[in-house]
Amino acid sequence: MSVRLKIIEAITEIAQEQHVKLPPLTDDLSLHETGFDSLAFAILVARLEDEIGIDPFTISEEAAFPATIGDFVRAYENVPA
């Protein structure tokens, strides 16, 4: 499964667990518009670290939190090997 699909799957699962009604997850959707609060994002990043084995927001001194779904996915896809 691709990184993108793992992220979308995790977002969908967490939304169901947190009772969040998600809009369509397009690359240009603002993360603020997902309905996730800070706890849901913390769960997402922790879950992805467990599943994918990386947290792009702690391994780079220059990492900034992404603004859109597409930015979020690219943060994971662009982690140096």
N, C-alpha and C. Protein backbone atom coordinates (compact mmCIF):
# COMPACT_ATOMS: atom_id res chain seq x y z
N MET A 1 0.85 -1.18 0.00
CA MET A 1 0.00 0.00 0.00
C MET A 1 0.90 1.24 0.00
N SER A 2 0.54 2.22 -0.81
CA SER A 2 1.34 3.44 -0.90
C SER A 2 1.21 4.27 0.39
N VAL A 3 2.18 5.16 0.58
CA VAL A 3 2.16 6.06 1.73
C VAL A 3 0.87 6.88 1.70
N ARG A 4 0.51 7.39 0.52
CA ARG A 4 -0.70 8.20 0.39
C ARG A 4 -1.93 7.42 0.87
N LEU A 5 -2.06 6.19 0.42
CA LEU A 5 -3.23 5.39 0.81
C LEU A 5 -3.23 5.08 2.30
N LYS A 6 -2.05 4.83 2.88
CA LYS A 6 -1.96 4.59 4.32
C LYS A 6 -2.42 5.82 5.10
N ILE A 7 -2.02 7.00 4.63
CA ILE A 7 -2.40 8.24 5.31
C ILE A 7 -3.91 8.46 5.21
N ILE A 8 -4.45 8.30 4.02
CA ILE A 8 -5.90 8.49 3.82
C ILE A 8 -6.68 7.49 4.66
N GLU A 9 -6.21 6.25 4.70
CA GLU A 9 -6.87 5.23 5.52
C GLU A 9 -6.83 5.60 7.00
N ALA A 10 -5.68 6.06 7.47
CA ALA A 10 -5.55 6.45 8.87
C ALA A 10 -6.44 7.64 9.20
N ILE A 11 -6.50 8.62 8.32
CA ILE A 11 -7.36 9.78 8.54
C ILE A 11 -8.82 9.33 8.64
N THR A 12 -9.23 8.46 7.75
CA THR A 12 -10.61 7.97 7.74
C THR A 12 -10.93 7.20 9.02
N GLU A 13 -10.01 6.34 9.45
CA GLU A 13 -10.23 5.56 10.68
C GLU A 13 -10.34 6.47 11.90
N ILE A 14 -9.44 7.43 12.00
CA ILE A 14 -9.45 8.34 13.15
C ILE A 14 -10.70 9.20 13.14
N ALA A 15 -11.13 9.63 11.98
CA ALA A 15 -12.38 10.41 11.88
C ALA A 15 -13.55 9.60 12.42
N GLN A 16 -13.61 8.32 12.08
CA GLN A 16 -14.69 7.48 12.58
C GLN A 16 -14.60 7.32 14.10
N GLU A 17 -13.39 7.11 14.60
CA GLU A 17 -13.19 6.94 16.05
C GLU A 17 -13.53 8.22 16.82
N GLN A 18 -13.22 9.37 16.23
CA GLN A 18 -13.44 10.66 16.90
C GLN A 18 -14.79 11.29 16.55
N HIS A 19 -15.59 10.57 15.75
CA HIS A 19 -16.91 11.04 15.33
C HIS A 19 -16.83 12.36 14.57
N VAL A 20 -15.88 12.41 13.63
CA VAL A 20 -15.68 13.59 12.80
C VAL A 20 -16.21 13.27 11.40
N LYS A 21 -17.05 14.14 10.88
CA LYS A 21 -17.55 13.97 9.51
C LYS A 21 -16.57 14.65 8.57
N LEU A 22 -15.88 13.83 7.77
CA LEU A 22 -14.86 14.35 6.87
C LEU A 22 -15.45 14.86 5.56
N PRO A 23 -14.93 15.96 5.07
CA PRO A 23 -15.26 16.37 3.69
C PRO A 23 -14.43 15.48 2.75
N PRO A 24 -14.64 15.55 1.45
CA PRO A 24 -13.80 14.80 0.53
C PRO A 24 -12.32 15.18 0.72
N LEU A 25 -11.46 14.17 0.81
CA LEU A 25 -10.05 14.40 1.09
C LEU A 25 -9.27 14.65 -0.20
N THR A 26 -9.30 15.88 -0.64
CA THR A 26 -8.55 16.28 -1.83
C THR A 26 -7.22 16.89 -1.41
N ASP A 27 -6.26 16.90 -2.32
CA ASP A 27 -4.95 17.45 -2.00
C ASP A 27 -5.00 18.91 -1.56
N ASP A 28 -5.94 19.67 -2.08
CA ASP A 28 -5.98 21.09 -1.73
C ASP A 28 -6.87 21.41 -0.52
N LEU A 29 -7.42 20.38 0.12
CA LEU A 29 -8.24 20.60 1.32
C LEU A 29 -7.35 21.05 2.47
N SER A 30 -7.69 22.18 3.07
CA SER A 30 -6.96 22.67 4.24
C SER A 30 -7.12 21.69 5.39
N LEU A 31 -6.04 21.48 6.13
CA LEU A 31 -6.12 20.58 7.28
C LEU A 31 -7.12 21.11 8.31
N HIS A 32 -7.29 22.42 8.38
CA HIS A 32 -8.26 23.01 9.30
C HIS A 32 -9.69 22.63 8.92
N GLU A 33 -9.91 22.35 7.65
CA GLU A 33 -11.26 22.01 7.17
C GLU A 33 -11.60 20.53 7.32
N THR A 34 -10.65 19.72 7.81
CA THR A 34 -10.93 18.30 8.00
C THR A 34 -11.85 18.05 9.18
N GLY A 35 -11.89 18.99 10.11
CA GLY A 35 -12.67 18.80 11.32
C GLY A 35 -11.86 18.19 12.44
N PHE A 36 -10.58 17.88 12.17
CA PHE A 36 -9.71 17.31 13.20
C PHE A 36 -9.28 18.41 14.18
N ASP A 37 -9.21 18.05 15.44
CA ASP A 37 -8.64 18.94 16.45
C ASP A 37 -7.20 18.52 16.70
N SER A 38 -6.53 19.16 17.64
CA SER A 38 -5.12 18.86 17.88
C SER A 38 -4.92 17.42 18.36
N LEU A 39 -5.86 16.89 19.13
CA LEU A 39 -5.76 15.50 19.58
C LEU A 39 -5.83 14.54 18.39
N ALA A 40 -6.75 14.78 17.48
CA ALA A 40 -6.88 13.90 16.31
C ALA A 40 -5.61 13.93 15.46
N PHE A 41 -5.00 15.11 15.30
CA PHE A 41 -3.75 15.18 14.54
C PHE A 41 -2.62 14.49 15.28
N ALA A 42 -2.58 14.60 16.60
CA ALA A 42 -1.55 13.91 17.37
C ALA A 42 -1.70 12.39 17.22
N ILE A 43 -2.94 11.91 17.27
CA ILE A 43 -3.20 10.49 17.08
C ILE A 43 -2.76 10.06 15.68
N LEU A 44 -3.08 10.88 14.68
CA LEU A 44 -2.72 10.58 13.30
C LEU A 44 -1.20 10.45 13.14
N VAL A 45 -0.45 11.42 13.63
CA VAL A 45 1.00 11.40 13.48
C VAL A 45 1.59 10.20 14.23
N ALA A 46 1.09 9.92 15.43
CA ALA A 46 1.59 8.77 16.21
C ALA A 46 1.27 7.46 15.50
N ARG A 47 0.06 7.34 14.99
CA ARG A 47 -0.34 6.12 14.29
C ARG A 47 0.49 5.91 13.03
N LEU A 48 0.73 6.99 12.29
CA LEU A 48 1.54 6.87 11.08
C LEU A 48 2.99 6.52 11.43
N GLU A 49 3.50 7.06 12.52
CA GLU A 49 4.86 6.70 12.93
C GLU A 49 4.94 5.21 13.25
N ASP A 50 3.92 4.67 13.92
CA ASP A 50 3.89 3.23 14.21
C ASP A 50 3.81 2.41 12.93
N GLU A 51 2.97 2.84 11.99
CA GLU A 51 2.73 2.07 10.78
C GLU A 51 3.83 2.24 9.72
N ILE A 52 4.26 3.48 9.51
CA ILE A 52 5.22 3.75 8.45
C ILE A 52 6.65 3.77 8.98
N GLY A 53 6.78 4.09 10.26
CA GLY A 53 8.10 4.09 10.88
C GLY A 53 8.83 5.43 10.86
N ILE A 54 8.12 6.49 10.48
CA ILE A 54 8.73 7.82 10.46
C ILE A 54 7.77 8.88 10.98
N ASP A 55 8.37 9.95 11.47
CA ASP A 55 7.62 11.16 11.82
C ASP A 55 8.38 12.31 11.19
N PRO A 56 7.95 12.77 10.01
CA PRO A 56 8.70 13.80 9.31
C PRO A 56 8.77 15.13 10.04
N PHE A 57 7.96 15.29 11.06
CA PHE A 57 7.90 16.57 11.77
C PHE A 57 8.92 16.64 12.90
N THR A 58 9.56 15.52 13.23
CA THR A 58 10.57 15.54 14.27
C THR A 58 11.96 15.23 13.74
N ILE A 59 12.07 14.71 12.52
CA ILE A 59 13.38 14.33 12.00
C ILE A 59 14.09 15.47 11.27
N SER A 60 13.38 16.52 10.98
CA SER A 60 13.99 17.64 10.26
C SER A 60 13.84 18.91 11.08
N GLU A 61 14.93 19.64 11.20
CA GLU A 61 14.88 20.91 11.93
C GLU A 61 14.08 21.96 11.18
N GLU A 62 13.94 21.78 9.86
CA GLU A 62 13.26 22.76 9.03
C GLU A 62 11.81 22.40 8.74
N ALA A 63 11.33 21.30 9.29
CA ALA A 63 9.97 20.86 8.99
C ALA A 63 8.95 21.84 9.56
N ALA A 64 7.99 22.18 8.73
CA ALA A 64 6.88 23.02 9.17
C ALA A 64 5.61 22.19 9.02
N PHE A 65 4.65 22.41 9.89
CA PHE A 65 3.43 21.63 9.77
C PHE A 65 2.71 22.03 8.49
N PRO A 66 2.28 21.06 7.71
CA PRO A 66 1.64 21.33 6.42
C PRO A 66 0.29 22.03 6.56
N ALA A 67 -0.12 22.67 5.46
CA ALA A 67 -1.38 23.41 5.46
C ALA A 67 -2.52 22.63 4.82
N THR A 68 -2.20 21.70 3.91
CA THR A 68 -3.24 20.96 3.18
C THR A 68 -3.00 19.46 3.26
N ILE A 69 -3.99 18.70 2.85
CA ILE A 69 -3.83 17.24 2.79
C ILE A 69 -2.65 16.88 1.88
N GLY A 70 -2.55 17.53 0.74
CA GLY A 70 -1.45 17.26 -0.18
C GLY A 70 -0.10 17.54 0.45
N ASP A 71 0.01 18.65 1.18
CA ASP A 71 1.26 18.99 1.88
C ASP A 71 1.59 17.93 2.92
N PHE A 72 0.58 17.47 3.63
CA PHE A 72 0.76 16.46 4.67
C PHE A 72 1.29 15.16 4.05
N VAL A 73 0.67 14.72 2.96
CA VAL A 73 1.11 13.49 2.29
C VAL A 73 2.54 13.65 1.78
N ARG A 74 2.84 14.78 1.16
CA ARG A 74 4.20 15.02 0.64
C ARG A 74 5.24 15.03 1.74
N ALA A 75 4.87 15.49 2.93
CA ALA A 75 5.81 15.49 4.05
C ALA A 75 6.28 14.06 4.34
N TYR A 76 5.38 13.11 4.22
CA TYR A 76 5.73 11.70 4.45
C TYR A 76 6.42 11.09 3.23
N GLU A 77 5.98 11.45 2.06
CA GLU A 77 6.57 10.89 0.84
C GLU A 77 7.98 11.39 0.58
N ASN A 78 8.31 12.58 1.07
CA ASN A 78 9.61 13.20 0.76
C ASN A 78 10.65 13.05 1.85
N VAL A 79 10.42 12.16 2.81
CA VAL A 79 11.41 11.93 3.86
C VAL A 79 12.60 11.20 3.23
N PRO A 80 13.81 11.74 3.42
CA PRO A 80 14.99 11.06 2.86
C PRO A 80 15.14 9.65 3.46
N ALA A 81 15.57 8.74 2.62
CA ALA A 81 15.74 7.34 3.07
C ALA A 81 16.93 7.19 3.97
